[in-house]
Amino acid sequence: MAPYAPFITEMMYDNMKKCMQHQEDSIHFLQIPAAACQLDLQIENTVLYMQRIIEVARRMREQRNLSLKQPLTSLTVVSKSADLLS
């Protein structure tokens, strides 16, 4: 947040400094921490699959001149992989 709201984040850091072990004079002197977790490839693949389904559904709606605001009564997704459908 510091680059976008420097004064507010500096004030927040000054308040948090009281209970922190490693302290810098300013939040702007701190390094951005490395990501602590690794990506779950199964979740990532499932989200990519979902995005493809949404893109195909949008194209089909455009071909039939259906508004995105109008809800569909149903949508059937067919896949060879049972993992993606669960």
PDB file of N, CA and C in Angstrom:
ATOM      1  N   MET A   1       0.809  -1.200   0.000  1.00  0.00           N
ATOM      2  CA  MET A   1       0.000   0.000   0.000  1.00  0.00           C
ATOM      3  C   MET A   1       0.853   1.265   0.000  1.00  0.00           C
ATOM      4  N   ALA A   2       2.065   1.162   0.476  1.00  0.00           N
ATOM      5  CA  ALA A   2       2.888   2.359   0.677  1.00  0.00           C
ATOM      6  C   ALA A   2       3.050   3.231  -0.575  1.00  0.00           C
ATOM      7  N   PRO A   3       3.274   2.659  -1.768  1.00  0.00           N
ATOM      8  CA  PRO A   3       3.432   3.539  -2.929  1.00  0.00           C
ATOM      9  C   PRO A   3       2.155   4.303  -3.288  1.00  0.00           C
ATOM     10  N   TYR A   4       0.984   3.776  -2.925  1.00  0.00           N
ATOM     11  CA  TYR A   4      -0.276   4.389  -3.331  1.00  0.00           C
ATOM     12  C   TYR A   4      -0.860   5.315  -2.261  1.00  0.00           C
ATOM     13  N   ALA A   5      -0.626   4.988  -1.018  1.00  0.00           N
ATOM     14  CA  ALA A   5      -1.125   5.812   0.087  1.00  0.00           C
ATOM     15  C   ALA A   5      -0.004   5.970   1.113  1.00  0.00           C
ATOM     16  N   PRO A   6       1.039   6.740   0.780  1.00  0.00           N
ATOM     17  CA  PRO A   6       2.243   6.772   1.608  1.00  0.00           C
ATOM     18  C   PRO A   6       2.041   7.301   3.022  1.00  0.00           C
ATOM     19  N   PHE A   7       1.220   8.307   3.205  1.00  0.00           N
ATOM     20  CA  PHE A   7       1.096   8.907   4.537  1.00  0.00           C
ATOM     21  C   PHE A   7       0.315   8.006   5.486  1.00  0.00           C
ATOM     22  N   ILE A   8      -0.748   7.402   4.982  1.00  0.00           N
ATOM     23  CA  ILE A   8      -1.554   6.507   5.827  1.00  0.00           C
ATOM     24  C   ILE A   8      -0.749   5.275   6.207  1.00  0.00           C
ATOM     25  N   THR A   9      -0.039   4.684   5.237  1.00  0.00           N
ATOM     26  CA  THR A   9       0.731   3.476   5.539  1.00  0.00           C
ATOM     27  C   THR A   9       1.892   3.788   6.482  1.00  0.00           C
ATOM     28  N   GLU A  10       2.471   4.952   6.366  1.00  0.00           N
ATOM     29  CA  GLU A  10       3.553   5.341   7.286  1.00  0.00           C
ATOM     30  C   GLU A  10       3.014   5.453   8.713  1.00  0.00           C
ATOM     31  N   MET A  11       1.824   6.033   8.865  1.00  0.00           N
ATOM     32  CA  MET A  11       1.214   6.147  10.179  1.00  0.00           C
ATOM     33  C   MET A  11       0.886   4.756  10.740  1.00  0.00           C
ATOM     34  N   MET A  12       0.354   3.870   9.909  1.00  0.00           N
ATOM     35  CA  MET A  12       0.042   2.506  10.346  1.00  0.00           C
ATOM     36  C   MET A  12       1.321   1.780  10.763  1.00  0.00           C
ATOM     37  N   TYR A  13       2.390   1.949   9.986  1.00  0.00           N
ATOM     38  CA  TYR A  13       3.663   1.307  10.312  1.00  0.00           C
ATOM     39  C   TYR A  13       4.214   1.825  11.629  1.00  0.00           C
ATOM     40  N   ASP A  14       4.116   3.131  11.856  1.00  0.00           N
ATOM     41  CA  ASP A  14       4.596   3.703  13.119  1.00  0.00           C
ATOM     42  C   ASP A  14       3.862   3.087  14.306  1.00  0.00           C
ATOM     43  N   ASN A  15       2.564   2.837  14.151  1.00  0.00           N
ATOM     44  CA  ASN A  15       1.788   2.221  15.226  1.00  0.00           C
ATOM     45  C   ASN A  15       2.158   0.748  15.410  1.00  0.00           C
ATOM     46  N   MET A  16       2.421   0.038  14.318  1.00  0.00           N
ATOM     47  CA  MET A  16       2.753  -1.387  14.403  1.00  0.00           C
ATOM     48  C   MET A  16       4.191  -1.612  14.870  1.00  0.00           C
ATOM     49  N   LYS A  17       5.064  -0.632  14.692  1.00  0.00           N
ATOM     50  CA  LYS A  17       6.475  -0.761  15.085  1.00  0.00           C
ATOM     51  C   LYS A  17       6.638  -1.107  16.556  1.00  0.00           C
ATOM     52  N   LYS A  18       5.695  -0.693  17.354  1.00  0.00           N
ATOM     53  CA  LYS A  18       5.784  -0.907  18.797  1.00  0.00           C
ATOM     54  C   LYS A  18       5.798  -2.387  19.165  1.00  0.00           C
ATOM     55  N   CYS A  19       5.206  -3.223  18.352  1.00  0.00           N
ATOM     56  CA  CYS A  19       5.145  -4.654  18.675  1.00  0.00           C
ATOM     57  C   CYS A  19       5.921  -5.516  17.680  1.00  0.00           C
ATOM     58  N   MET A  20       6.770  -4.911  16.864  1.00  0.00           N
ATOM     59  CA  MET A  20       7.564  -5.654  15.884  1.00  0.00           C
ATOM     60  C   MET A  20       9.000  -5.803  16.366  1.00  0.00           C
ATOM     61  N   GLN A  21       9.629  -6.920  15.957  1.00  0.00           N
ATOM     62  CA  GLN A  21      11.022  -7.145  16.343  1.00  0.00           C
ATOM     63  C   GLN A  21      11.978  -6.395  15.427  1.00  0.00           C
ATOM     64  N   HIS A  22      11.802  -6.561  14.130  1.00  0.00           N
ATOM     65  CA  HIS A  22      12.695  -5.919  13.162  1.00  0.00           C
ATOM     66  C   HIS A  22      12.061  -4.604  12.731  1.00  0.00           C
ATOM     67  N   GLN A  23      12.722  -3.515  13.050  1.00  0.00           N
ATOM     68  CA  GLN A  23      12.152  -2.209  12.772  1.00  0.00           C
ATOM     69  C   GLN A  23      13.058  -1.407  11.844  1.00  0.00           C
ATOM     70  N   GLU A  24      12.453  -0.749  10.912  1.00  0.00           N
ATOM     71  CA  GLU A  24      13.136   0.230  10.066  1.00  0.00           C
ATOM     72  C   GLU A  24      12.579   1.601  10.435  1.00  0.00           C
ATOM     73  N   ASP A  25      13.273   2.640  10.036  1.00  0.00           N
ATOM     74  CA  ASP A  25      12.805   3.989  10.346  1.00  0.00           C
ATOM     75  C   ASP A  25      11.500   4.326   9.630  1.00  0.00           C
ATOM     76  N   SER A  26      11.339   3.761   8.437  1.00  0.00           N
ATOM     77  CA  SER A  26      10.149   4.051   7.638  1.00  0.00           C
ATOM     78  C   SER A  26       9.712   2.788   6.913  1.00  0.00           C
ATOM     79  N   ILE A  27       8.448   2.710   6.610  1.00  0.00           N
ATOM     80  CA  ILE A  27       7.942   1.559   5.853  1.00  0.00           C
ATOM     81  C   ILE A  27       8.542   1.525   4.445  1.00  0.00           C
ATOM     82  N   HIS A  28       8.956   2.667   3.966  1.00  0.00           N
ATOM     83  CA  HIS A  28       9.501   2.768   2.614  1.00  0.00           C
ATOM     84  C   HIS A  28      10.907   2.175   2.507  1.00  0.00           C
ATOM     85  N   PHE A  29      11.526   1.839   3.637  1.00  0.00           N
ATOM     86  CA  PHE A  29      12.835   1.199   3.628  1.00  0.00           C
ATOM     87  C   PHE A  29      12.748  -0.322   3.673  1.00  0.00           C
ATOM     88  N   LEU A  30      11.545  -0.857   3.851  1.00  0.00           N
ATOM     89  CA  LEU A  30      11.355  -2.306   3.935  1.00  0.00           C
ATOM     90  C   LEU A  30      11.325  -2.934   2.553  1.00  0.00           C
ATOM     91  N   GLN A  31      11.802  -4.170   2.476  1.00  0.00           N
ATOM     92  CA  GLN A  31      11.731  -4.932   1.238  1.00  0.00           C
ATOM     93  C   GLN A  31      10.375  -5.625   1.151  1.00  0.00           C
ATOM     94  N   ILE A  32       9.877  -5.817  -0.056  1.00  0.00           N
ATOM     95  CA  ILE A  32       8.628  -6.546  -0.238  1.00  0.00           C
ATOM     96  C   ILE A  32       8.920  -8.017   0.036  1.00  0.00           C
ATOM     97  N   PRO A  33       8.171  -8.654   0.929  1.00  0.00           N
ATOM     98  CA  PRO A  33       8.460 -10.054   1.269  1.00  0.00           C
ATOM     99  C   PRO A  33       8.151 -11.001   0.112  1.00  0.00           C
ATOM    100  N   ALA A  34       8.896 -12.091   0.071  1.00  0.00           N
ATOM    101  CA  ALA A  34       8.648 -13.114  -0.951  1.00  0.00           C
ATOM    102  C   ALA A  34       7.366 -13.860  -0.598  1.00  0.00           C
ATOM    103  N   ALA A  35       6.734 -14.417  -1.607  1.00  0.00           N
ATOM    104  CA  ALA A  35       5.502 -15.177  -1.380  1.00  0.00           C
ATOM    105  C   ALA A  35       5.800 -16.394  -0.518  1.00  0.00           C
ATOM    106  N   ALA A  36       4.951 -16.618   0.474  1.00  0.00           N
ATOM    107  CA  ALA A  36       5.182 -17.704   1.421  1.00  0.00           C
ATOM    108  C   ALA A  36       4.585 -19.033   0.958  1.00  0.00           C
ATOM    109  N   CYS A  37       3.638 -18.982   0.059  1.00  0.00           N
ATOM    110  CA  CYS A  37       2.974 -20.219  -0.347  1.00  0.00           C
ATOM    111  C   CYS A  37       3.240 -20.508  -1.822  1.00  0.00           C
ATOM    112  N   GLN A  38       3.050 -21.753  -2.185  1.00  0.00           N
ATOM    113  CA  GLN A  38       3.199 -22.160  -3.569  1.00  0.00           C
ATOM    114  C   GLN A  38       1.823 -22.296  -4.190  1.00  0.00           C
ATOM    115  N   LEU A  39       1.781 -22.167  -5.503  1.00  0.00           N
ATOM    116  CA  LEU A  39       0.515 -22.286  -6.208  1.00  0.00           C
ATOM    117  C   LEU A  39       0.051 -23.735  -6.241  1.00  0.00           C
ATOM    118  N   ASP A  40      -1.242 -23.917  -6.121  1.00  0.00           N
ATOM    119  CA  ASP A  40      -1.838 -25.237  -6.248  1.00  0.00           C
ATOM    120  C   ASP A  40      -2.214 -25.407  -7.721  1.00  0.00           C
ATOM    121  N   LEU A  41      -1.506 -26.258  -8.437  1.00  0.00           N
ATOM    122  CA  LEU A  41      -1.710 -26.406  -9.880  1.00  0.00           C
ATOM    123  C   LEU A  41      -3.101 -26.924 -10.214  1.00  0.00           C
ATOM    124  N   GLN A  42      -3.678 -27.757  -9.354  1.00  0.00           N
ATOM    125  CA  GLN A  42      -5.016 -28.276  -9.621  1.00  0.00           C
ATOM    126  C   GLN A  42      -6.043 -27.143  -9.595  1.00  0.00           C
ATOM    127  N   ILE A  43      -5.927 -26.257  -8.618  1.00  0.00           N
ATOM    128  CA  ILE A  43      -6.844 -25.115  -8.548  1.00  0.00           C
ATOM    129  C   ILE A  43      -6.626 -24.196  -9.737  1.00  0.00           C
ATOM    130  N   GLU A  44      -5.374 -23.964 -10.096  1.00  0.00           N
ATOM    131  CA  GLU A  44      -5.066 -23.097 -11.228  1.00  0.00           C
ATOM    132  C   GLU A  44      -5.654 -23.658 -12.521  1.00  0.00           C
ATOM    133  N   ASN A  45      -5.514 -24.964 -12.738  1.00  0.00           N
ATOM    134  CA  ASN A  45      -6.072 -25.588 -13.944  1.00  0.00           C
ATOM    135  C   ASN A  45      -7.593 -25.540 -13.946  1.00  0.00           C
ATOM    136  N   THR A  46      -8.202 -25.719 -12.785  1.00  0.00           N
ATOM    137  CA  THR A  46      -9.659 -25.659 -12.691  1.00  0.00           C
ATOM    138  C   THR A  46     -10.162 -24.257 -13.022  1.00  0.00           C
ATOM    139  N   VAL A  47      -9.467 -23.232 -12.537  1.00  0.00           N
ATOM    140  CA  VAL A  47      -9.860 -21.853 -12.831  1.00  0.00           C
ATOM    141  C   VAL A  47      -9.689 -21.565 -14.323  1.00  0.00           C
ATOM    142  N   LEU A  48      -8.604 -22.029 -14.934  1.00  0.00           N
ATOM    143  CA  LEU A  48      -8.418 -21.836 -16.378  1.00  0.00           C
ATOM    144  C   LEU A  48      -9.533 -22.508 -17.174  1.00  0.00           C
ATOM    145  N   TYR A  49      -9.926 -23.704 -16.740  1.00  0.00           N
ATOM    146  CA  TYR A  49     -11.019 -24.426 -17.391  1.00  0.00           C
ATOM    147  C   TYR A  49     -12.325 -23.637 -17.258  1.00  0.00           C
ATOM    148  N   MET A  50     -12.575 -23.102 -16.070  1.00  0.00           N
ATOM    149  CA  MET A  50     -13.773 -22.300 -15.838  1.00  0.00           C
ATOM    150  C   MET A  50     -13.776 -21.054 -16.727  1.00  0.00           C
ATOM    151  N   GLN A  51     -12.615 -20.419 -16.882  1.00  0.00           N
ATOM    152  CA  GLN A  51     -12.520 -19.230 -17.733  1.00  0.00           C
ATOM    153  C   GLN A  51     -12.837 -19.572 -19.186  1.00  0.00           C
ATOM    154  N   ARG A  52     -12.360 -20.728 -19.641  1.00  0.00           N
ATOM    155  CA  ARG A  52     -12.670 -21.148 -21.016  1.00  0.00           C
ATOM    156  C   ARG A  52     -14.176 -21.370 -21.195  1.00  0.00           C
ATOM    157  N   ILE A  53     -14.807 -21.976 -20.198  1.00  0.00           N
ATOM    158  CA  ILE A  53     -16.254 -22.199 -20.274  1.00  0.00           C
ATOM    159  C   ILE A  53     -16.991 -20.865 -20.359  1.00  0.00           C
ATOM    160  N   ILE A  54     -16.577 -19.898 -19.556  1.00  0.00           N
ATOM    161  CA  ILE A  54     -17.215 -18.580 -19.566  1.00  0.00           C
ATOM    162  C   ILE A  54     -17.027 -17.899 -20.913  1.00  0.00           C
ATOM    163  N   GLU A  55     -15.825 -17.980 -21.496  1.00  0.00           N
ATOM    164  CA  GLU A  55     -15.562 -17.365 -22.791  1.00  0.00           C
ATOM    165  C   GLU A  55     -16.427 -17.981 -23.884  1.00  0.00           C
ATOM    166  N   VAL A  56     -16.546 -19.308 -23.887  1.00  0.00           N
ATOM    167  CA  VAL A  56     -17.371 -19.987 -24.893  1.00  0.00           C
ATOM    168  C   VAL A  56     -18.839 -19.610 -24.714  1.00  0.00           C
ATOM    169  N   ALA A  57     -19.299 -19.561 -23.467  1.00  0.00           N
ATOM    170  CA  ALA A  57     -20.694 -19.184 -23.203  1.00  0.00           C
ATOM    171  C   ALA A  57     -20.971 -17.753 -23.657  1.00  0.00           C
ATOM    172  N   ARG A  58     -20.025 -16.863 -23.448  1.00  0.00           N
ATOM    173  CA  ARG A  58     -20.211 -15.469 -23.887  1.00  0.00           C
ATOM    174  C   ARG A  58     -20.275 -15.377 -25.410  1.00  0.00           C
ATOM    175  N   ARG A  59     -19.404 -16.130 -26.083  1.00  0.00           N
ATOM    176  CA  ARG A  59     -19.451 -16.135 -27.548  1.00  0.00           C
ATOM    177  C   ARG A  59     -20.788 -16.663 -28.060  1.00  0.00           C
ATOM    178  N   MET A  60     -21.295 -17.716 -27.419  1.00  0.00           N
ATOM    179  CA  MET A  60     -22.586 -18.284 -27.823  1.00  0.00           C
ATOM    180  C   MET A  60     -23.714 -17.280 -27.577  1.00  0.00           C
ATOM    181  N   ARG A  61     -23.650 -16.526 -26.490  1.00  0.00           N
ATOM    182  CA  ARG A  61     -24.669 -15.513 -26.206  1.00  0.00           C
ATOM    183  C   ARG A  61     -24.624 -14.402 -27.257  1.00  0.00           C
ATOM    184  N   GLU A  62     -23.397 -13.999 -27.650  1.00  0.00           N
ATOM    185  CA  GLU A  62     -23.269 -12.961 -28.680  1.00  0.00           C
ATOM    186  C   GLU A  62     -23.855 -13.427 -30.002  1.00  0.00           C
ATOM    187  N   GLN A  63     -23.614 -14.683 -30.375  1.00  0.00           N
ATOM    188  CA  GLN A  63     -24.150 -15.228 -31.626  1.00  0.00           C
ATOM    189  C   GLN A  63     -25.676 -15.239 -31.626  1.00  0.00           C
ATOM    190  N   ARG A  64     -26.270 -15.438 -30.470  1.00  0.00           N
ATOM    191  CA  ARG A  64     -27.728 -15.501 -30.359  1.00  0.00           C
ATOM    192  C   ARG A  64     -28.337 -14.166 -29.908  1.00  0.00           C
ATOM    193  N   ASN A  65     -27.505 -13.131 -29.828  1.00  0.00           N
ATOM    194  CA  ASN A  65     -27.929 -11.787 -29.406  1.00  0.00           C
ATOM    195  C   ASN A  65     -28.633 -11.803 -28.052  1.00  0.00           C
ATOM    196  N   LEU A  66     -28.086 -12.545 -27.102  1.00  0.00           N
ATOM    197  CA  LEU A  66     -28.611 -12.576 -25.740  1.00  0.00           C
ATOM    198  C   LEU A  66     -27.773 -11.653 -24.862  1.00  0.00           C
ATOM    199  N   SER A  67     -28.440 -10.829 -24.095  1.00  0.00           N
ATOM    200  CA  SER A  67     -27.751  -9.903 -23.201  1.00  0.00           C
ATOM    201  C   SER A  67     -27.073 -10.672 -22.070  1.00  0.00           C
ATOM    202  N   LEU A  68     -25.941 -10.145 -21.606  1.00  0.00           N
ATOM    203  CA  LEU A  68     -25.260 -10.757 -20.470  1.00  0.00           C
ATOM    204  C   LEU A  68     -26.053 -10.574 -19.183  1.00  0.00           C
ATOM    205  N   LYS A  69     -26.951  -9.605 -19.171  1.00  0.00           N
ATOM    206  CA  LYS A  69     -27.759  -9.356 -17.981  1.00  0.00           C
ATOM    207  C   LYS A  69     -28.893 -10.368 -17.841  1.00  0.00           C
ATOM    208  N   GLN A  70     -29.238 -10.995 -18.951  1.00  0.00           N
ATOM    209  CA  GLN A  70     -30.319 -11.982 -18.920  1.00  0.00           C
ATOM    210  C   GLN A  70     -29.764 -13.330 -18.459  1.00  0.00           C
ATOM    211  N   PRO A  71     -30.286 -13.881 -17.347  1.00  0.00           N
ATOM    212  CA  PRO A  71     -29.750 -15.158 -16.866  1.00  0.00           C
ATOM    213  C   PRO A  71     -30.148 -16.321 -17.770  1.00  0.00           C
ATOM    214  N   LEU A  72     -29.271 -17.306 -17.832  1.00  0.00           N
ATOM    215  CA  LEU A  72     -29.571 -18.510 -18.599  1.00  0.00           C
ATOM    216  C   LEU A  72     -30.422 -19.446 -17.753  1.00  0.00           C
ATOM    217  N   THR A  73     -31.301 -20.184 -18.409  1.00  0.00           N
ATOM    218  CA  THR A  73     -32.082 -21.177 -17.666  1.00  0.00           C
ATOM    219  C   THR A  73     -31.215 -22.356 -17.310  1.00  0.00           C
ATOM    220  N   SER A  74     -30.308 -22.724 -18.214  1.00  0.00           N
ATOM    221  CA  SER A  74     -29.395 -23.831 -17.917  1.00  0.00           C
ATOM    222  C   SER A  74     -28.159 -23.729 -18.815  1.00  0.00           C
ATOM    223  N   LEU A  75     -27.133 -24.410 -18.383  1.00  0.00           N
ATOM    224  CA  LEU A  75     -25.889 -24.498 -19.142  1.00  0.00           C
ATOM    225  C   LEU A  75     -25.305 -25.874 -18.862  1.00  0.00           C
ATOM    226  N   THR A  76     -25.079 -26.643 -19.900  1.00  0.00           N
ATOM    227  CA  THR A  76     -24.546 -27.991 -19.752  1.00  0.00           C
ATOM    228  C   THR A  76     -23.095 -28.001 -20.206  1.00  0.00           C
ATOM    229  N   VAL A  77     -22.220 -28.491 -19.334  1.00  0.00           N
ATOM    230  CA  VAL A  77     -20.796 -28.586 -19.641  1.00  0.00           C
ATOM    231  C   VAL A  77     -20.444 -30.064 -19.758  1.00  0.00           C
ATOM    232  N   VAL A  78     -19.821 -30.435 -20.881  1.00  0.00           N
ATOM    233  CA  VAL A  78     -19.424 -31.819 -21.125  1.00  0.00           C
ATOM    234  C   VAL A  78     -17.904 -31.873 -21.108  1.00  0.00           C
ATOM    235  N   SER A  79     -17.354 -32.834 -20.355  1.00  0.00           N
ATOM    236  CA  SER A  79     -15.912 -32.982 -20.271  1.00  0.00           C
ATOM    237  C   SER A  79     -15.545 -34.442 -20.091  1.00  0.00           C
ATOM    238  N   LYS A  80     -14.380 -34.810 -20.615  1.00  0.00           N
ATOM    239  CA  LYS A  80     -13.889 -36.175 -20.432  1.00  0.00           C
ATOM    240  C   LYS A  80     -13.300 -36.356 -19.029  1.00  0.00           C
ATOM    241  N   SER A  81     -12.909 -35.260 -18.401  1.00  0.00           N
ATOM    242  CA  SER A  81     -12.271 -35.333 -17.085  1.00  0.00           C
ATOM    243  C   SER A  81     -13.315 -35.121 -15.987  1.00  0.00           C
ATOM    244  N   ALA A  82     -13.504 -36.130 -15.161  1.00  0.00           N
ATOM    245  CA  ALA A  82     -14.455 -36.011 -14.045  1.00  0.00           C
ATOM    246  C   ALA A  82     -13.953 -35.056 -12.980  1.00  0.00           C
ATOM    247  N   ASP A  83     -12.628 -34.894 -12.858  1.00  0.00           N
ATOM    248  CA  ASP A  83     -12.066 -33.985 -11.854  1.00  0.00           C
ATOM    249  C   ASP A  83     -12.489 -32.541 -12.103  1.00  0.00           C
ATOM    250  N   LEU A  84     -12.559 -32.146 -13.364  1.00  0.00           N
ATOM    251  CA  LEU A  84     -12.906 -30.777 -13.692  1.00  0.00           C
ATOM    252  C   LEU A  84     -14.376 -30.468 -13.461  1.00  0.00           C
ATOM    253  N   LEU A  85     -15.202 -31.492 -13.501  1.00  0.00           N
ATOM    254  CA  LEU A  85     -16.636 -31.281 -13.335  1.00  0.00           C
ATOM    255  C   LEU A  85     -17.085 -31.301 -11.885  1.00  0.00           C
ATOM    256  N   SER A  86     -16.212 -31.712 -10.983  1.00  0.00           N
ATOM    257  CA  SER A  86     -16.633 -31.778  -9.581  1.00  0.00           C
ATOM    258  C   SER A  86     -16.404 -30.481  -8.860  1.00  0.00           C
TER     259      SER A  86
END
